[in-house]
Amino acid sequence: MTKDDLKPGEFNPYYGAYIQKTAGLSLRDDLKSSGEQTISFLKGISFDKLEYRYAQGKWNIKEIIQHLMDAERIFAYRALRIARKDQTPLPGFEQNDYILPSQASNRSLEELINEFKAIKLATVSLFDSFSDNMLMSLGTASNSPISVRAIGFIIMGHEIHHCEVIKERYLF
C-alpha cells in the first residue's frame, strides 16, 4: 500500500505535503524502516546543535524530536479509534502549546531517542495489527475526514519533513 492508493477525501489537503514526502514508500514495509532512518540521523547530530534555534521563537532540535513524538502519539491514537469504528469526531491539537510544558530542552538526546524508539515500536505494532479493511476505515479528526492508512503516511511524511528542516536550517 503506497500513498498513490489514497483516494480524495481520505485526508485534509493540509496533510498533502507530508503524504507527498512518502513517494516510493510502502505503509506496511516502511513505517518501521523510516523510523530507523530517523533514529540514525538523530544520533549523528552533534551535541552543540541540539539547542540551537535558527530564529527567535523557533524550536530547537530537542523540541522538534519531542514534537515528533507528541504528534506520532496523537496520530496513532486517532488511528486506533478510527480502526475500531469509533465515529466520535476527534479534536485537533495546538502543537506549540505542547512544547514548553514538555521541557524537552532539559532532556538528553539519549533519553529522547529511547522514547522515540519506544513510540515507533508501538506505532509499528499498532499498524501491523490493522487488517486492510481497518486501514481503509474513515473517521473525523480536526474537523476533516481521515483514513487510518492516511494517518500512517502522515506519520512517515511528518517525520521526513522535520528531518529535512533540521538538515536545511539547523545543520550547516
N, C-alpha and C. Protein backbone atom coordinates (compact mmCIF):
# COMPACT_ATOMS: atom_id res chain seq x y z
N MET A 1 0.85 -1.18 0.00
CA MET A 1 0.00 0.00 0.00
C MET A 1 0.89 1.24 0.00
N THR A 2 0.71 2.08 -0.99
CA THR A 2 1.50 3.30 -1.12
C THR A 2 0.59 4.52 -1.06
N LYS A 3 1.19 5.69 -1.03
CA LYS A 3 0.41 6.93 -0.99
C LYS A 3 -0.50 7.05 -2.20
N ASP A 4 -0.10 6.44 -3.31
CA ASP A 4 -0.91 6.51 -4.53
C ASP A 4 -2.23 5.76 -4.40
N ASP A 5 -2.34 4.89 -3.39
CA ASP A 5 -3.60 4.18 -3.16
C ASP A 5 -4.63 5.05 -2.45
N LEU A 6 -4.19 6.14 -1.85
CA LEU A 6 -5.12 7.03 -1.14
C LEU A 6 -6.06 7.69 -2.13
N LYS A 7 -7.29 7.85 -1.70
CA LYS A 7 -8.31 8.46 -2.55
C LYS A 7 -8.66 9.85 -2.01
N PRO A 8 -9.15 10.73 -2.89
CA PRO A 8 -9.60 12.04 -2.40
C PRO A 8 -10.62 11.86 -1.28
N GLY A 9 -10.51 12.68 -0.28
CA GLY A 9 -11.44 12.58 0.85
C GLY A 9 -10.92 11.74 1.99
N GLU A 10 -9.73 11.15 1.84
CA GLU A 10 -9.18 10.35 2.93
C GLU A 10 -8.32 11.19 3.87
N PHE A 11 -8.09 12.44 3.53
CA PHE A 11 -7.29 13.30 4.40
C PHE A 11 -7.53 14.75 4.02
N ASN A 12 -7.30 15.61 4.98
CA ASN A 12 -7.38 17.05 4.76
C ASN A 12 -6.22 17.46 3.86
N PRO A 13 -6.45 18.30 2.86
CA PRO A 13 -5.36 18.72 1.97
C PRO A 13 -4.15 19.30 2.70
N TYR A 14 -4.34 19.82 3.90
CA TYR A 14 -3.22 20.32 4.70
C TYR A 14 -2.12 19.27 4.82
N TYR A 15 -2.52 18.00 4.92
CA TYR A 15 -1.55 16.92 5.11
C TYR A 15 -0.94 16.44 3.80
N GLY A 16 -1.38 16.97 2.69
CA GLY A 16 -0.88 16.54 1.39
C GLY A 16 0.62 16.67 1.25
N ALA A 17 1.19 17.73 1.77
CA ALA A 17 2.64 17.93 1.66
C ALA A 17 3.40 16.82 2.40
N TYR A 18 2.90 16.40 3.55
CA TYR A 18 3.53 15.30 4.28
C TYR A 18 3.39 14.00 3.50
N ILE A 19 2.20 13.74 3.01
CA ILE A 19 1.95 12.49 2.28
C ILE A 19 2.82 12.42 1.03
N GLN A 20 3.00 13.55 0.35
CA GLN A 20 3.84 13.56 -0.86
C GLN A 20 5.28 13.14 -0.56
N LYS A 21 5.74 13.39 0.63
CA LYS A 21 7.11 13.04 1.01
C LYS A 21 7.31 11.54 1.14
N THR A 22 6.22 10.76 1.10
CA THR A 22 6.32 9.31 1.24
C THR A 22 6.35 8.60 -0.11
N ALA A 23 6.58 9.34 -1.18
CA ALA A 23 6.64 8.73 -2.51
C ALA A 23 7.64 7.58 -2.50
N GLY A 24 7.23 6.45 -3.04
CA GLY A 24 8.09 5.28 -3.11
C GLY A 24 8.11 4.44 -1.85
N LEU A 25 7.39 4.88 -0.82
CA LEU A 25 7.35 4.11 0.43
C LEU A 25 6.05 3.32 0.53
N SER A 26 6.16 2.18 1.17
CA SER A 26 5.01 1.33 1.44
C SER A 26 4.65 1.46 2.91
N LEU A 27 3.38 1.58 3.19
CA LEU A 27 2.95 1.75 4.58
C LEU A 27 3.41 0.58 5.44
N ARG A 28 3.12 -0.61 5.01
CA ARG A 28 3.43 -1.79 5.84
C ARG A 28 4.94 -2.05 5.91
N ASP A 29 5.67 -1.78 4.86
CA ASP A 29 7.10 -2.11 4.83
C ASP A 29 7.98 -1.00 5.38
N ASP A 30 7.57 0.24 5.26
CA ASP A 30 8.48 1.35 5.53
C ASP A 30 8.20 2.16 6.78
N LEU A 31 7.11 1.91 7.47
CA LEU A 31 6.85 2.65 8.71
C LEU A 31 7.99 2.42 9.69
N LYS A 32 8.41 1.17 9.83
CA LYS A 32 9.50 0.84 10.75
C LYS A 32 10.83 1.35 10.22
N SER A 33 11.15 1.07 8.96
CA SER A 33 12.47 1.45 8.43
C SER A 33 12.64 2.97 8.37
N SER A 34 11.56 3.71 8.10
CA SER A 34 11.70 5.17 8.10
C SER A 34 12.02 5.67 9.50
N GLY A 35 11.45 5.03 10.50
CA GLY A 35 11.77 5.39 11.88
C GLY A 35 13.22 5.07 12.22
N GLU A 36 13.71 3.95 11.72
CA GLU A 36 15.11 3.58 11.96
C GLU A 36 16.04 4.60 11.30
N GLN A 37 15.68 5.06 10.12
CA GLN A 37 16.50 6.08 9.43
C GLN A 37 16.50 7.38 10.23
N THR A 38 15.35 7.74 10.78
CA THR A 38 15.27 8.96 11.59
C THR A 38 16.14 8.83 12.82
N ILE A 39 16.09 7.70 13.48
CA ILE A 39 16.90 7.48 14.68
C ILE A 39 18.39 7.58 14.34
N SER A 40 18.79 6.95 13.26
CA SER A 40 20.19 7.01 12.83
C SER A 40 20.61 8.46 12.56
N PHE A 41 19.75 9.20 11.89
CA PHE A 41 20.02 10.61 11.61
C PHE A 41 20.16 11.40 12.91
N LEU A 42 19.23 11.23 13.83
CA LEU A 42 19.25 11.99 15.08
C LEU A 42 20.49 11.68 15.91
N LYS A 43 20.91 10.43 15.92
CA LYS A 43 22.11 10.05 16.68
C LYS A 43 23.36 10.75 16.15
N GLY A 44 23.35 11.14 14.89
CA GLY A 44 24.51 11.78 14.30
C GLY A 44 24.59 13.28 14.51
N ILE A 45 23.60 13.86 15.16
CA ILE A 45 23.61 15.31 15.39
C ILE A 45 24.55 15.64 16.54
N SER A 46 25.41 16.61 16.32
CA SER A 46 26.38 16.97 17.36
C SER A 46 25.69 17.67 18.53
N PHE A 47 26.26 17.46 19.69
CA PHE A 47 25.72 17.98 20.94
C PHE A 47 25.49 19.49 20.88
N ASP A 48 26.42 20.20 20.25
CA ASP A 48 26.34 21.66 20.22
C ASP A 48 25.20 22.19 19.36
N LYS A 49 24.58 21.35 18.56
CA LYS A 49 23.47 21.78 17.71
C LYS A 49 22.10 21.52 18.34
N LEU A 50 22.03 20.73 19.38
CA LEU A 50 20.76 20.25 19.91
C LEU A 50 19.85 21.36 20.43
N GLU A 51 20.43 22.44 20.92
CA GLU A 51 19.60 23.52 21.47
C GLU A 51 19.66 24.79 20.63
N TYR A 52 20.21 24.68 19.43
CA TYR A 52 20.29 25.80 18.50
C TYR A 52 18.90 26.12 17.96
N ARG A 53 18.62 27.42 17.83
CA ARG A 53 17.39 27.90 17.19
C ARG A 53 17.81 28.79 16.03
N TYR A 54 17.32 28.51 14.86
CA TYR A 54 17.74 29.30 13.70
C TYR A 54 17.06 30.66 13.65
N ALA A 55 16.04 30.86 14.46
CA ALA A 55 15.38 32.17 14.56
C ALA A 55 14.65 32.21 15.90
N GLN A 56 14.41 33.43 16.37
CA GLN A 56 13.69 33.60 17.63
C GLN A 56 12.30 32.99 17.51
N GLY A 57 11.90 32.25 18.54
CA GLY A 57 10.59 31.64 18.57
C GLY A 57 10.50 30.28 17.88
N LYS A 58 11.58 29.84 17.25
CA LYS A 58 11.60 28.53 16.60
C LYS A 58 12.06 27.47 17.60
N TRP A 59 11.62 26.27 17.37
CA TRP A 59 12.00 25.17 18.24
C TRP A 59 13.46 24.80 18.03
N ASN A 60 14.08 24.26 19.09
CA ASN A 60 15.41 23.69 18.91
C ASN A 60 15.24 22.22 18.52
N ILE A 61 16.34 21.54 18.24
CA ILE A 61 16.26 20.16 17.75
C ILE A 61 15.63 19.23 18.79
N LYS A 62 15.96 19.40 20.04
CA LYS A 62 15.34 18.57 21.07
C LYS A 62 13.82 18.76 21.06
N GLU A 63 13.39 19.98 20.90
CA GLU A 63 11.95 20.25 20.86
C GLU A 63 11.30 19.67 19.61
N ILE A 64 12.03 19.65 18.50
CA ILE A 64 11.49 19.02 17.29
C ILE A 64 11.31 17.53 17.53
N ILE A 65 12.28 16.90 18.17
CA ILE A 65 12.16 15.46 18.47
C ILE A 65 10.94 15.24 19.37
N GLN A 66 10.78 16.08 20.36
CA GLN A 66 9.61 15.95 21.25
C GLN A 66 8.33 16.14 20.45
N HIS A 67 8.31 17.10 19.57
CA HIS A 67 7.13 17.33 18.72
C HIS A 67 6.83 16.09 17.88
N LEU A 68 7.85 15.48 17.30
CA LEU A 68 7.63 14.26 16.52
C LEU A 68 6.97 13.18 17.37
N MET A 69 7.44 13.04 18.61
CA MET A 69 6.87 12.02 19.50
C MET A 69 5.43 12.36 19.87
N ASP A 70 5.20 13.60 20.25
CA ASP A 70 3.83 14.00 20.63
C ASP A 70 2.86 13.80 19.47
N ALA A 71 3.27 14.25 18.29
CA ALA A 71 2.39 14.13 17.12
C ALA A 71 2.15 12.67 16.77
N GLU A 72 3.19 11.84 16.83
CA GLU A 72 3.00 10.43 16.49
C GLU A 72 2.04 9.76 17.47
N ARG A 73 2.19 10.07 18.74
CA ARG A 73 1.26 9.51 19.74
C ARG A 73 -0.19 9.92 19.41
N ILE A 74 -0.38 11.17 19.11
CA ILE A 74 -1.72 11.67 18.82
C ILE A 74 -2.27 11.02 17.55
N PHE A 75 -1.45 10.94 16.51
CA PHE A 75 -1.92 10.32 15.27
C PHE A 75 -2.19 8.83 15.46
N ALA A 76 -1.35 8.14 16.22
CA ALA A 76 -1.58 6.71 16.46
C ALA A 76 -2.88 6.50 17.25
N TYR A 77 -3.14 7.36 18.21
CA TYR A 77 -4.39 7.30 18.96
C TYR A 77 -5.59 7.49 18.03
N ARG A 78 -5.48 8.45 17.13
CA ARG A 78 -6.55 8.65 16.16
C ARG A 78 -6.74 7.41 15.30
N ALA A 79 -5.64 6.83 14.84
CA ALA A 79 -5.72 5.62 14.01
C ALA A 79 -6.41 4.49 14.76
N LEU A 80 -6.07 4.31 16.01
CA LEU A 80 -6.69 3.27 16.83
C LEU A 80 -8.20 3.49 16.94
N ARG A 81 -8.58 4.69 17.30
CA ARG A 81 -10.01 4.99 17.47
C ARG A 81 -10.77 4.75 16.17
N ILE A 82 -10.21 5.23 15.06
CA ILE A 82 -10.90 5.11 13.78
C ILE A 82 -10.93 3.65 13.33
N ALA A 83 -9.84 2.91 13.51
CA ALA A 83 -9.80 1.49 13.13
C ALA A 83 -10.81 0.67 13.92
N ARG A 84 -11.11 1.11 15.13
CA ARG A 84 -12.06 0.39 15.98
C ARG A 84 -13.50 0.88 15.77
N LYS A 85 -13.68 1.67 14.72
CA LYS A 85 -15.01 2.15 14.30
C LYS A 85 -15.63 3.17 15.25
N ASP A 86 -14.79 3.83 16.03
CA ASP A 86 -15.27 4.92 16.88
C ASP A 86 -15.52 6.12 15.97
N GLN A 87 -16.75 6.54 15.89
CA GLN A 87 -17.11 7.64 14.99
C GLN A 87 -17.15 8.99 15.70
N THR A 88 -16.66 9.05 16.92
CA THR A 88 -16.58 10.31 17.65
C THR A 88 -15.59 11.24 16.94
N PRO A 89 -16.01 12.44 16.57
CA PRO A 89 -15.05 13.38 15.96
C PRO A 89 -13.92 13.68 16.95
N LEU A 90 -12.69 13.56 16.47
CA LEU A 90 -11.52 13.76 17.32
C LEU A 90 -10.99 15.18 17.15
N PRO A 91 -10.67 15.82 18.25
CA PRO A 91 -10.22 17.22 18.17
C PRO A 91 -8.81 17.34 17.61
N GLY A 92 -8.48 18.53 17.16
CA GLY A 92 -7.12 18.84 16.76
C GLY A 92 -6.30 19.13 18.00
N PHE A 93 -5.05 19.50 17.78
CA PHE A 93 -4.22 19.91 18.91
C PHE A 93 -3.31 21.04 18.45
N GLU A 94 -2.98 21.92 19.35
CA GLU A 94 -2.11 23.04 19.03
C GLU A 94 -0.69 22.64 19.40
N GLN A 95 0.09 22.33 18.39
CA GLN A 95 1.43 21.79 18.60
C GLN A 95 2.33 22.70 19.43
N ASN A 96 2.22 23.99 19.25
CA ASN A 96 3.07 24.91 20.01
C ASN A 96 2.78 24.88 21.50
N ASP A 97 1.55 24.58 21.87
CA ASP A 97 1.20 24.52 23.29
C ASP A 97 1.82 23.32 24.00
N TYR A 98 2.29 22.35 23.25
CA TYR A 98 2.85 21.14 23.84
C TYR A 98 4.34 21.28 24.16
N ILE A 99 5.04 22.18 23.49
CA ILE A 99 6.49 22.21 23.59
C ILE A 99 6.99 22.70 24.95
N LEU A 100 6.59 23.86 25.39
CA LEU A 100 7.10 24.40 26.65
C LEU A 100 6.86 23.46 27.83
N PRO A 101 5.65 22.94 28.02
CA PRO A 101 5.45 22.04 29.15
C PRO A 101 6.21 20.71 29.04
N SER A 102 6.65 20.36 27.83
CA SER A 102 7.38 19.10 27.66
C SER A 102 8.76 19.13 28.29
N GLN A 103 9.32 20.33 28.42
CA GLN A 103 10.67 20.52 28.95
C GLN A 103 11.70 19.69 28.19
N ALA A 104 11.51 19.56 26.89
CA ALA A 104 12.41 18.76 26.05
C ALA A 104 13.85 19.22 26.15
N SER A 105 14.08 20.51 26.31
CA SER A 105 15.45 21.02 26.37
C SER A 105 16.20 20.53 27.60
N ASN A 106 15.48 20.07 28.61
CA ASN A 106 16.10 19.56 29.83
C ASN A 106 16.46 18.08 29.73
N ARG A 107 16.17 17.47 28.61
CA ARG A 107 16.41 16.03 28.44
C ARG A 107 17.64 15.80 27.57
N SER A 108 18.24 14.64 27.75
CA SER A 108 19.39 14.29 26.92
C SER A 108 18.90 13.74 25.59
N LEU A 109 19.77 13.79 24.60
CA LEU A 109 19.45 13.21 23.30
C LEU A 109 19.17 11.72 23.45
N GLU A 110 19.94 11.05 24.29
CA GLU A 110 19.74 9.61 24.51
C GLU A 110 18.34 9.33 25.06
N GLU A 111 17.89 10.12 26.03
CA GLU A 111 16.54 9.94 26.57
C GLU A 111 15.48 10.13 25.49
N LEU A 112 15.65 11.18 24.71
CA LEU A 112 14.68 11.46 23.65
C LEU A 112 14.66 10.35 22.61
N ILE A 113 15.82 9.88 22.21
CA ILE A 113 15.88 8.82 21.21
C ILE A 113 15.29 7.52 21.75
N ASN A 114 15.57 7.20 23.00
CA ASN A 114 14.99 5.98 23.59
C ASN A 114 13.47 6.05 23.62
N GLU A 115 12.93 7.20 23.96
CA GLU A 115 11.48 7.35 23.96
C GLU A 115 10.94 7.29 22.53
N PHE A 116 11.63 7.92 21.60
CA PHE A 116 11.22 7.88 20.20
C PHE A 116 11.16 6.43 19.71
N LYS A 117 12.18 5.63 20.05
CA LYS A 117 12.20 4.21 19.67
C LYS A 117 10.98 3.48 20.21
N ALA A 118 10.66 3.71 21.47
CA ALA A 118 9.53 3.04 22.10
C ALA A 118 8.22 3.42 21.41
N ILE A 119 8.06 4.69 21.12
CA ILE A 119 6.85 5.16 20.44
C ILE A 119 6.76 4.56 19.05
N LYS A 120 7.88 4.55 18.33
CA LYS A 120 7.89 3.99 16.98
C LYS A 120 7.53 2.51 17.01
N LEU A 121 8.09 1.78 17.95
CA LEU A 121 7.79 0.35 18.08
C LEU A 121 6.29 0.14 18.33
N ALA A 122 5.72 0.96 19.19
CA ALA A 122 4.28 0.86 19.48
C ALA A 122 3.46 1.19 18.24
N THR A 123 3.85 2.22 17.51
CA THR A 123 3.12 2.61 16.30
C THR A 123 3.19 1.51 15.25
N VAL A 124 4.38 0.97 15.04
CA VAL A 124 4.55 -0.11 14.05
C VAL A 124 3.71 -1.32 14.46
N SER A 125 3.74 -1.67 15.73
CA SER A 125 2.93 -2.80 16.20
C SER A 125 1.45 -2.55 15.99
N LEU A 126 1.01 -1.34 16.26
CA LEU A 126 -0.39 -0.99 16.08
C LEU A 126 -0.78 -1.13 14.61
N PHE A 127 -0.01 -0.54 13.72
CA PHE A 127 -0.34 -0.60 12.30
C PHE A 127 -0.22 -2.02 11.76
N ASP A 128 0.71 -2.82 12.29
CA ASP A 128 0.81 -4.23 11.89
C ASP A 128 -0.44 -5.01 12.28
N SER A 129 -1.10 -4.57 13.34
CA SER A 129 -2.30 -5.27 13.81
C SER A 129 -3.54 -4.95 12.98
N PHE A 130 -3.48 -3.91 12.17
CA PHE A 130 -4.64 -3.49 11.39
C PHE A 130 -4.77 -4.35 10.13
N SER A 131 -5.97 -4.84 9.90
CA SER A 131 -6.25 -5.51 8.64
C SER A 131 -6.35 -4.46 7.53
N ASP A 132 -6.38 -4.93 6.28
CA ASP A 132 -6.54 -3.99 5.17
C ASP A 132 -7.85 -3.22 5.31
N ASN A 133 -8.91 -3.88 5.77
CA ASN A 133 -10.20 -3.20 5.97
C ASN A 133 -10.10 -2.13 7.05
N MET A 134 -9.38 -2.42 8.11
CA MET A 134 -9.20 -1.43 9.17
C MET A 134 -8.43 -0.21 8.66
N LEU A 135 -7.42 -0.45 7.83
CA LEU A 135 -6.63 0.65 7.27
C LEU A 135 -7.49 1.57 6.41
N MET A 136 -8.54 1.03 5.82
CA MET A 136 -9.43 1.81 4.96
C MET A 136 -10.48 2.58 5.76
N SER A 137 -10.60 2.31 7.05
CA SER A 137 -11.62 2.95 7.88
C SER A 137 -11.47 4.46 7.86
N LEU A 138 -12.62 5.13 7.82
CA LEU A 138 -12.66 6.59 7.82
C LEU A 138 -13.26 7.11 9.11
N GLY A 139 -12.71 8.19 9.60
CA GLY A 139 -13.24 8.88 10.76
C GLY A 139 -13.07 10.37 10.57
N THR A 140 -13.24 11.10 11.66
CA THR A 140 -13.10 12.55 11.61
C THR A 140 -12.09 12.99 12.67
N ALA A 141 -11.12 13.80 12.23
CA ALA A 141 -10.16 14.39 13.15
C ALA A 141 -9.89 15.82 12.68
N SER A 142 -9.82 16.72 13.60
CA SER A 142 -9.60 18.14 13.29
C SER A 142 -10.62 18.63 12.27
N ASN A 143 -11.85 18.20 12.45
CA ASN A 143 -12.98 18.62 11.61
C ASN A 143 -12.87 18.20 10.15
N SER A 144 -12.08 17.16 9.87
CA SER A 144 -11.93 16.68 8.50
C SER A 144 -11.94 15.15 8.47
N PRO A 145 -12.42 14.58 7.37
CA PRO A 145 -12.33 13.12 7.25
C PRO A 145 -10.88 12.68 7.14
N ILE A 146 -10.61 11.49 7.67
CA ILE A 146 -9.26 10.93 7.58
C ILE A 146 -9.36 9.41 7.68
N SER A 147 -8.52 8.73 6.91
CA SER A 147 -8.48 7.27 6.97
C SER A 147 -7.29 6.83 7.82
N VAL A 148 -7.40 5.62 8.31
CA VAL A 148 -6.31 5.05 9.10
C VAL A 148 -5.04 4.99 8.27
N ARG A 149 -5.17 4.54 7.02
CA ARG A 149 -3.96 4.43 6.20
C ARG A 149 -3.35 5.80 5.90
N ALA A 150 -4.18 6.82 5.72
CA ALA A 150 -3.65 8.16 5.51
C ALA A 150 -2.85 8.60 6.74
N ILE A 151 -3.34 8.25 7.92
CA ILE A 151 -2.62 8.60 9.14
C ILE A 151 -1.22 7.99 9.13
N GLY A 152 -1.11 6.74 8.70
CA GLY A 152 0.21 6.11 8.63
C GLY A 152 1.16 6.87 7.72
N PHE A 153 0.67 7.30 6.56
CA PHE A 153 1.51 8.07 5.64
C PHE A 153 1.83 9.45 6.20
N ILE A 154 0.89 10.04 6.92
CA ILE A 154 1.14 11.34 7.55
C ILE A 154 2.25 11.22 8.58
N ILE A 155 2.20 10.17 9.38
CA ILE A 155 3.26 9.95 10.39
C ILE A 155 4.62 9.89 9.71
N MET A 156 4.73 9.09 8.66
CA MET A 156 6.02 8.96 7.96
C MET A 156 6.43 10.28 7.32
N GLY A 157 5.52 10.93 6.62
CA GLY A 157 5.84 12.18 5.93
C GLY A 157 6.18 13.31 6.88
N HIS A 158 5.50 13.36 8.01
CA HIS A 158 5.77 14.38 9.03
C HIS A 158 7.19 14.23 9.55
N GLU A 159 7.59 13.00 9.78
CA GLU A 159 8.94 12.70 10.25
C GLU A 159 9.98 13.12 9.19
N ILE A 160 9.73 12.75 7.95
CA ILE A 160 10.64 13.13 6.86
C ILE A 160 10.75 14.64 6.77
N HIS A 161 9.61 15.32 6.84
CA HIS A 161 9.58 16.79 6.77
C HIS A 161 10.49 17.40 7.83
N HIS A 162 10.34 16.97 9.07
CA HIS A 162 11.12 17.58 10.14
C HIS A 162 12.61 17.23 10.05
N CYS A 163 12.94 16.05 9.56
CA CYS A 163 14.36 15.73 9.33
C CYS A 163 14.93 16.64 8.26
N GLU A 164 14.17 16.91 7.22
CA GLU A 164 14.62 17.84 6.17
C GLU A 164 14.81 19.25 6.73
N VAL A 165 13.89 19.69 7.58
CA VAL A 165 14.01 21.01 8.20
C VAL A 165 15.28 21.08 9.04
N ILE A 166 15.55 20.03 9.81
CA ILE A 166 16.76 20.01 10.63
C ILE A 166 18.00 20.12 9.74
N LYS A 167 18.03 19.34 8.66
CA LYS A 167 19.19 19.37 7.76
C LYS A 167 19.38 20.75 7.13
N GLU A 168 18.29 21.36 6.72
CA GLU A 168 18.36 22.63 5.99
C GLU A 168 18.61 23.84 6.87
N ARG A 169 18.04 23.84 8.08
CA ARG A 169 18.05 25.06 8.88
C ARG A 169 18.90 24.98 10.16
N TYR A 170 19.28 23.78 10.55
CA TYR A 170 20.00 23.63 11.81
C TYR A 170 21.42 23.11 11.63
N LEU A 171 21.64 22.32 10.61
CA LEU A 171 22.96 21.69 10.44
C LEU A 171 23.65 22.33 9.24
N PHE A 172 24.65 23.11 9.51
CA PHE A 172 25.39 23.77 8.43
C PHE A 172 26.84 23.85 8.78
